[in-house]
Amino acid sequence: MKNIENLIGQLFIIGFKGERPSSSFLNFLTEEKIGGVILFKDNCKTHQLVRKNIKQIISATSNKHPFIAVDQEGGRVCRISGAPVEIASAQAYANKYGISRFTDDYTRSMIGLESLGVNLNLAPVCDIFRNDKNSCLDSRCFGTTADEVIPFITKAVQISQKSHILSCLKHFPGLGDVSIDPHEETAVSYYDEQWWENNERLVFEQGISAGADMIMTTHIRLPKFDTEIATGSSLIVERMLRQRLMYNGVVITDDLQMKGASVLGEIGERTIKAFNAGHDLLLFGQDSDSAMEAYEHFRGAYSRGEISKDKVIKSLERISALKFKIANSVLF
């Protein structure tokens, strides 16, 4: 693989503020060959706006099949509104509507996303909801046990595959027990390995078996596992996920601009620690200036030898395999 340094942008997915991407944002995508863009609610006020934004992004990335990502879980986490893409919450399907209606609604939603030009849905949520004080995941989980959650996860992944939408299991290794929202502060949970083996592991294992395309970690500290938060922990990413679950696909961070990631240092340092911990894709929210700063820091660290060339190549290979899957999913 040639010109590795010129492909480092493929390791980044970034967002932008406002209805339309700025010229500086689009130029950055072009010049640095950025791997993808994540869309938020203000980028998606109408379906027509979604299509226009995606066409601009694809043009800026020279049609190199960028990841076009959204969080379209259902309920309060639906970045794109309106039929057929907007659906009910995970909790509503689990407690009221059932898996048959979920299957119908999720199928329509994924087909709708694909028709708009989206190719990556950062869902489904695999977390087991075990703490009523968990405001971050309120209504976003399919149940309070692994047995309740697994059928919905399996179905979501299978539907995504048929609809040519990449799926992403989250939030590894499990966020359902926390009372702190990682958007605001580093989350903490005190479950041990035995608990994880008999609960959270089962859900992620089934999602992997169903064919999930990505797995997202989050900014959680697990004192009974490691002193580092999951985002910066090779023990959690490499040992628990890759070795114990034998997962060799793409691992993506949760948004590195979240306050819960601040324990890893300044924004640039977060990218290095997360990548060296075993992540392939580095995700950034709507502060594009911060994302640009992080990218420059990461590229400089690579030039100084602080980041392994072999690790970069391996991540680029995993990312390329996913981009091959989406290459012909949407025609413009």
Protein backbone atom coordinates (compact mmCIF):
# COMPACT_ATOMS: atom_id res chain seq x y z
CA MET A 1 0.00 0.00 0.00
CA LYS A 2 1.59 3.25 -1.19
CA ASN A 3 1.47 6.81 0.16
CA ILE A 4 0.12 5.79 3.56
CA GLU A 5 0.43 9.31 4.96
CA ASN A 6 -1.86 10.61 2.23
CA LEU A 7 -4.56 8.12 3.23
CA ILE A 8 -4.66 8.94 6.94
CA GLY A 9 -7.82 11.00 6.40
CA GLN A 10 -9.65 7.73 5.68
CA LEU A 11 -9.45 7.00 9.42
CA PHE A 12 -11.69 10.00 10.23
CA ILE A 13 -15.44 10.57 10.16
CA ILE A 14 -16.42 14.16 10.96
CA GLY A 15 -19.51 16.34 11.19
CA PHE A 16 -20.42 19.97 10.53
CA LYS A 17 -22.75 22.58 12.00
CA GLY A 18 -25.70 24.16 10.25
CA GLU A 19 -27.87 23.19 7.33
CA ARG A 20 -25.13 23.11 4.68
CA PRO A 21 -21.44 22.23 4.79
CA SER A 22 -19.14 25.26 4.49
CA SER A 23 -16.64 25.64 1.69
CA SER A 24 -13.77 25.23 4.17
CA PHE A 25 -15.30 21.96 5.40
CA LEU A 26 -15.71 20.65 1.86
CA ASN A 27 -12.16 21.73 0.97
CA PHE A 28 -10.87 19.84 3.99
CA LEU A 29 -12.68 16.70 2.85
CA THR A 30 -11.11 17.07 -0.59
CA GLU A 31 -7.57 17.92 0.42
CA GLU A 32 -7.20 15.37 3.21
CA LYS A 33 -9.24 12.54 1.67
CA ILE A 34 -11.44 12.29 4.76
CA GLY A 35 -13.13 8.91 5.15
CA GLY A 36 -16.66 10.00 5.90
CA VAL A 37 -19.16 12.47 7.30
CA ILE A 38 -21.71 12.11 10.09
CA LEU A 39 -24.98 14.00 9.70
CA PHE A 40 -26.94 15.52 12.57
CA LYS A 41 -30.48 16.83 12.86
CA ASP A 42 -29.70 20.38 11.72
CA ASN A 43 -28.04 18.93 8.58
CA CYS A 44 -31.21 16.93 7.85
CA LYS A 45 -34.14 19.31 8.20
CA THR A 46 -35.77 17.97 5.04
CA HIS A 47 -35.17 14.92 2.91
CA GLN A 48 -34.29 17.21 0.02
CA LEU A 49 -31.61 18.85 2.17
CA VAL A 50 -30.19 15.45 3.09
CA ARG A 51 -29.83 14.52 -0.57
CA LYS A 52 -28.20 17.86 -1.47
CA ASN A 53 -25.72 17.63 1.39
CA ILE A 54 -24.77 14.06 0.56
CA LYS A 55 -24.23 14.91 -3.11
CA GLN A 56 -21.92 17.76 -2.11
CA ILE A 57 -19.99 15.53 0.26
CA ILE A 58 -19.55 12.82 -2.35
CA SER A 59 -18.40 15.39 -4.90
CA ALA A 60 -15.89 16.81 -2.41
CA THR A 61 -14.48 13.37 -1.69
CA SER A 62 -14.06 12.70 -5.41
CA ASN A 63 -16.67 9.95 -5.25
CA LYS A 64 -14.34 7.75 -3.15
CA HIS A 65 -17.36 6.20 -1.45
CA PRO A 66 -17.26 8.18 1.80
CA PHE A 67 -19.11 6.85 4.80
CA ILE A 68 -22.34 8.84 5.12
CA ALA A 69 -23.33 8.15 8.71
CA VAL A 70 -26.34 8.97 10.87
CA ASP A 71 -27.67 7.90 14.26
CA GLN A 72 -31.08 6.64 13.19
CA GLU A 73 -31.91 4.43 16.17
CA GLY A 74 -35.54 5.41 16.57
CA GLY A 75 -37.44 7.51 19.08
CA ARG A 76 -35.52 10.53 20.35
CA VAL A 77 -32.42 9.52 18.40
CA CYS A 78 -33.61 9.99 14.83
CA ARG A 79 -31.48 12.48 12.93
CA ILE A 80 -33.81 12.37 9.91
CA SER A 81 -37.49 13.00 10.53
CA GLY A 82 -40.59 11.91 8.67
CA ALA A 83 -41.81 8.74 6.97
CA PRO A 84 -40.46 6.26 6.17
CA VAL A 85 -37.16 6.76 7.98
CA GLU A 86 -38.42 7.93 11.40
CA ILE A 87 -39.44 5.08 13.70
CA ALA A 88 -40.39 4.52 17.33
CA SER A 89 -37.90 4.00 20.16
CA ALA A 90 -36.29 0.68 21.00
CA GLN A 91 -38.16 0.65 24.29
CA ALA A 92 -41.50 1.11 22.53
CA TYR A 93 -40.92 -1.88 20.26
CA ALA A 94 -39.72 -4.03 23.14
CA ASN A 95 -42.54 -3.12 25.53
CA LYS A 96 -45.48 -2.34 23.25
CA TYR A 97 -45.24 -3.06 19.55
CA GLY A 98 -43.15 -6.23 19.37
CA ILE A 99 -40.54 -7.57 16.99
CA SER A 100 -42.91 -8.10 14.05
CA ARG A 101 -43.73 -4.42 13.82
CA PHE A 102 -40.08 -3.55 14.48
CA THR A 103 -39.13 -5.69 11.50
CA ASP A 104 -41.59 -3.87 9.25
CA ASP A 105 -40.70 -0.38 10.48
CA TYR A 106 -36.94 -0.90 10.52
CA THR A 107 -37.04 -2.34 7.01
CA ARG A 108 -38.85 0.75 5.71
CA SER A 109 -36.45 3.00 7.59
CA MET A 110 -33.30 1.36 6.21
CA ILE A 111 -34.65 1.33 2.66
CA GLY A 112 -35.48 5.00 3.12
CA LEU A 113 -32.00 5.82 4.36
CA GLU A 114 -30.43 4.05 1.40
CA SER A 115 -32.62 5.98 -1.01
CA LEU A 116 -31.44 9.27 0.51
CA GLY A 117 -27.78 8.30 0.12
CA VAL A 118 -26.95 7.26 3.68
CA ASN A 119 -24.79 4.13 3.85
CA LEU A 120 -23.94 3.80 7.57
CA ASN A 121 -26.40 3.74 10.44
CA LEU A 122 -24.70 3.98 13.84
CA ALA A 123 -27.12 1.45 15.32
CA PRO A 124 -28.40 -0.81 16.83
CA VAL A 125 -27.93 -0.13 20.54
CA CYS A 126 -26.81 -3.37 22.22
CA ASP A 127 -26.78 -2.04 25.77
CA ILE A 128 -28.78 -3.80 28.47
CA PHE A 129 -30.74 -1.17 30.39
CA ARG A 130 -30.06 -1.83 34.07
CA ASN A 131 -30.10 1.60 35.71
CA ASP A 132 -33.18 3.83 35.83
CA LYS A 133 -30.86 6.83 36.36
CA ASN A 134 -29.22 6.22 32.98
CA SER A 135 -30.54 9.30 31.17
CA CYS A 136 -28.17 8.75 28.25
CA LEU A 137 -29.86 5.48 27.26
CA ASP A 138 -33.39 6.20 28.45
CA SER A 139 -35.78 4.63 25.87
CA ARG A 140 -32.86 3.63 23.62
CA CYS A 141 -32.50 0.00 24.79
CA PHE A 142 -34.45 -3.11 23.78
CA GLY A 143 -34.57 -4.64 27.23
CA THR A 144 -33.15 -5.28 30.67
CA THR A 145 -31.69 -8.72 29.89
CA ALA A 146 -29.56 -10.15 27.11
CA ASP A 147 -32.39 -12.48 26.09
CA GLU A 148 -34.71 -9.50 25.56
CA VAL A 149 -32.19 -7.48 23.56
CA ILE A 150 -30.68 -10.15 21.29
CA PRO A 151 -33.65 -10.79 18.92
CA PHE A 152 -33.93 -7.09 18.06
CA ILE A 153 -30.17 -6.73 17.50
CA THR A 154 -30.08 -9.76 15.23
CA LYS A 155 -33.04 -8.51 13.22
CA ALA A 156 -31.64 -4.95 12.90
CA VAL A 157 -28.32 -6.23 11.55
CA GLN A 158 -30.00 -8.59 9.09
CA ILE A 159 -32.34 -5.87 7.80
CA SER A 160 -29.44 -3.44 7.39
CA GLN A 161 -27.55 -5.98 5.29
CA LYS A 162 -30.50 -6.52 2.97
CA SER A 163 -30.95 -2.76 2.62
CA HIS A 164 -27.27 -2.09 1.81
CA ILE A 165 -26.81 -0.07 4.99
CA LEU A 166 -23.78 -0.71 7.17
CA SER A 167 -24.67 -1.44 10.80
CA CYS A 168 -22.78 -0.56 13.97
CA LEU A 169 -23.19 -2.28 17.34
CA LYS A 170 -22.88 0.09 20.30
CA HIS A 171 -21.74 0.84 22.99
CA PHE A 172 -18.99 -1.72 23.65
CA PRO A 173 -18.34 -3.20 26.17
CA GLY A 174 -21.73 -2.12 27.61
CA LEU A 175 -23.14 1.20 28.84
CA GLY A 176 -26.45 0.10 30.29
CA ASP A 177 -25.47 0.18 33.96
CA VAL A 178 -24.15 3.75 34.21
CA SER A 179 -25.72 6.83 35.76
CA ILE A 180 -23.36 9.31 34.08
CA ASP A 181 -23.87 10.44 30.49
CA PRO A 182 -20.53 10.22 28.60
CA HIS A 183 -21.56 13.28 26.62
CA GLU A 184 -21.07 15.24 29.85
CA GLU A 185 -18.52 13.23 31.86
CA THR A 186 -16.68 9.91 31.73
CA ALA A 187 -19.17 7.16 32.57
CA VAL A 188 -18.28 4.57 35.21
CA SER A 189 -19.56 1.03 35.77
CA TYR A 190 -18.45 -1.56 38.30
CA TYR A 191 -19.49 -4.83 36.71
CA ASP A 192 -16.81 -7.51 36.57
CA GLU A 193 -15.71 -9.93 33.87
CA GLN A 194 -18.01 -12.70 35.03
CA TRP A 195 -21.03 -10.42 34.77
CA TRP A 196 -19.89 -9.19 31.36
CA GLU A 197 -19.40 -12.75 30.10
CA ASN A 198 -22.96 -13.69 31.07
CA ASN A 199 -24.67 -10.51 29.91
CA GLU A 200 -23.17 -7.79 27.66
CA ARG A 201 -20.88 -10.23 25.88
CA LEU A 202 -23.83 -12.35 24.74
CA VAL A 203 -25.49 -9.43 22.94
CA PHE A 204 -22.38 -8.28 21.10
CA GLU A 205 -21.48 -11.86 20.24
CA GLN A 206 -24.87 -12.39 18.60
CA GLY A 207 -24.61 -9.09 16.74
CA ILE A 208 -21.24 -10.13 15.37
CA SER A 209 -22.61 -13.53 14.36
CA ALA A 210 -25.46 -11.80 12.52
CA GLY A 211 -22.90 -9.90 10.44
CA ALA A 212 -22.56 -6.43 12.00
CA ASP A 213 -20.18 -4.20 10.03
CA MET A 214 -18.78 -2.07 12.86
CA ILE A 215 -18.60 -1.90 16.62
CA MET A 216 -18.52 1.37 18.55
CA THR A 217 -16.91 1.75 21.96
CA THR A 218 -17.68 4.62 24.31
CA HIS A 219 -16.14 6.73 27.04
CA ILE A 220 -16.66 4.45 30.02
CA ARG A 221 -14.33 3.54 32.85
CA LEU A 222 -14.50 -0.03 34.12
CA PRO A 223 -12.29 -0.17 37.24
CA LYS A 224 -12.56 -3.96 37.44
CA PHE A 225 -11.10 -4.27 33.94
CA ASP A 226 -8.60 -1.46 33.39
CA THR A 227 -7.50 1.93 34.68
CA GLU A 228 -7.93 3.45 31.19
CA ILE A 229 -11.34 4.31 29.79
CA ALA A 230 -12.57 1.97 27.05
CA THR A 231 -11.74 4.52 24.33
CA GLY A 232 -8.07 4.36 25.27
CA SER A 233 -7.86 0.76 26.46
CA SER A 234 -6.10 -1.86 24.34
CA LEU A 235 -7.20 -4.40 26.94
CA ILE A 236 -10.86 -3.70 26.14
CA VAL A 237 -10.49 -3.24 22.37
CA GLU A 238 -7.79 -5.77 21.57
CA ARG A 239 -8.23 -8.43 24.25
CA MET A 240 -11.97 -8.37 24.98
CA LEU A 241 -13.28 -7.48 21.52
CA ARG A 242 -10.77 -8.77 19.02
CA GLN A 243 -9.36 -11.79 20.89
CA ARG A 244 -12.17 -13.03 23.10
CA LEU A 245 -14.98 -12.27 20.68
CA MET A 246 -12.72 -12.99 17.69
CA TYR A 247 -13.92 -9.83 15.97
CA ASN A 248 -11.74 -8.62 13.13
CA GLY A 249 -13.97 -5.93 11.68
CA VAL A 250 -13.92 -2.15 11.98
CA VAL A 251 -13.96 -0.62 15.46
CA ILE A 252 -15.06 3.01 15.70
CA THR A 253 -14.83 5.41 18.63
CA ASP A 254 -17.77 7.26 20.05
CA ASP A 255 -17.56 11.01 19.37
CA LEU A 256 -14.13 12.11 20.57
CA GLN A 257 -15.45 15.62 21.16
CA MET A 258 -17.66 14.35 23.99
CA LYS A 259 -16.65 15.51 27.47
CA GLY A 260 -16.34 11.91 28.60
CA ALA A 261 -13.25 11.55 26.38
CA SER A 262 -11.45 14.50 27.98
CA VAL A 263 -9.54 12.24 30.39
CA LEU A 264 -7.48 11.14 27.37
CA GLY A 265 -6.11 14.67 26.96
CA GLU A 266 -6.52 17.41 24.40
CA ILE A 267 -8.41 16.63 21.21
CA GLY A 268 -5.35 15.60 19.21
CA GLU A 269 -4.02 13.35 21.95
CA ARG A 270 -7.37 11.57 22.09
CA THR A 271 -7.00 10.45 18.49
CA ILE A 272 -3.58 8.92 19.14
CA LYS A 273 -4.62 7.08 22.30
CA ALA A 274 -7.82 5.79 20.73
CA PHE A 275 -6.09 4.59 17.59
CA ASN A 276 -3.22 2.97 19.47
CA ALA A 277 -5.79 1.21 21.67
CA GLY A 278 -7.05 -0.59 18.56
CA HIS A 279 -9.73 1.60 16.93
CA ASP A 280 -9.84 1.90 13.15
CA LEU A 281 -12.17 4.87 12.73
CA LEU A 282 -12.04 8.09 14.75
CA LEU A 283 -15.41 9.83 15.05
CA PHE A 284 -15.94 13.57 15.55
CA GLY A 285 -19.18 15.50 15.98
CA GLN A 286 -20.10 18.92 14.64
CA ASP A 287 -17.08 20.98 15.70
CA SER A 288 -15.23 20.70 12.41
CA ASP A 289 -12.45 23.05 13.52
CA SER A 290 -11.70 20.71 16.41
CA ALA A 291 -11.74 17.73 14.05
CA MET A 292 -9.31 19.46 11.70
CA GLU A 293 -7.00 20.19 14.63
CA ALA A 294 -7.17 16.56 15.72
CA TYR A 295 -6.41 15.36 12.22
CA GLU A 296 -3.32 17.56 11.93
CA HIS A 297 -2.09 16.35 15.32
CA PHE A 298 -2.62 12.73 14.33
CA ARG A 299 -0.85 13.16 11.01
CA GLY A 300 2.08 14.85 12.74
CA ALA A 301 2.29 12.01 15.25
CA TYR A 302 2.37 9.51 12.40
CA SER A 303 5.22 11.43 10.73
CA ARG A 304 7.15 11.34 14.02
CA GLY A 305 6.73 7.58 14.33
CA GLU A 306 4.34 7.71 17.30
CA ILE A 307 1.78 5.67 15.37
CA SER A 308 2.61 2.31 13.82
CA LYS A 309 2.56 2.16 10.04
CA ASP A 310 1.48 -1.48 10.24
CA LYS A 311 -1.51 -0.55 12.42
CA VAL A 312 -2.53 2.18 9.98
CA ILE A 313 -2.31 -0.23 7.05
CA LYS A 314 -4.40 -2.83 8.89
CA SER A 315 -7.08 -0.25 9.68
CA LEU A 316 -7.10 1.02 6.10
CA GLU A 317 -7.57 -2.55 4.90
CA ARG A 318 -10.57 -3.05 7.17
CA ILE A 319 -12.08 0.28 6.09
CA SER A 320 -11.48 -0.51 2.41
CA ALA A 321 -13.34 -3.81 2.80
CA LEU A 322 -16.41 -1.95 4.08
CA LYS A 323 -16.20 0.67 1.35
CA PHE A 324 -16.15 -2.11 -1.21
CA LYS A 325 -19.51 -3.27 0.21
CA ILE A 326 -21.13 0.15 -0.21
CA ALA A 327 -19.52 1.07 -3.53
CA ASN A 328 -22.58 0.33 -5.67
CA SER A 329 -25.36 0.77 -3.11
CA VAL A 330 -26.46 4.25 -4.25
CA LEU A 331 -26.30 5.75 -7.71
CA PHE A 332 -26.44 9.50 -8.23
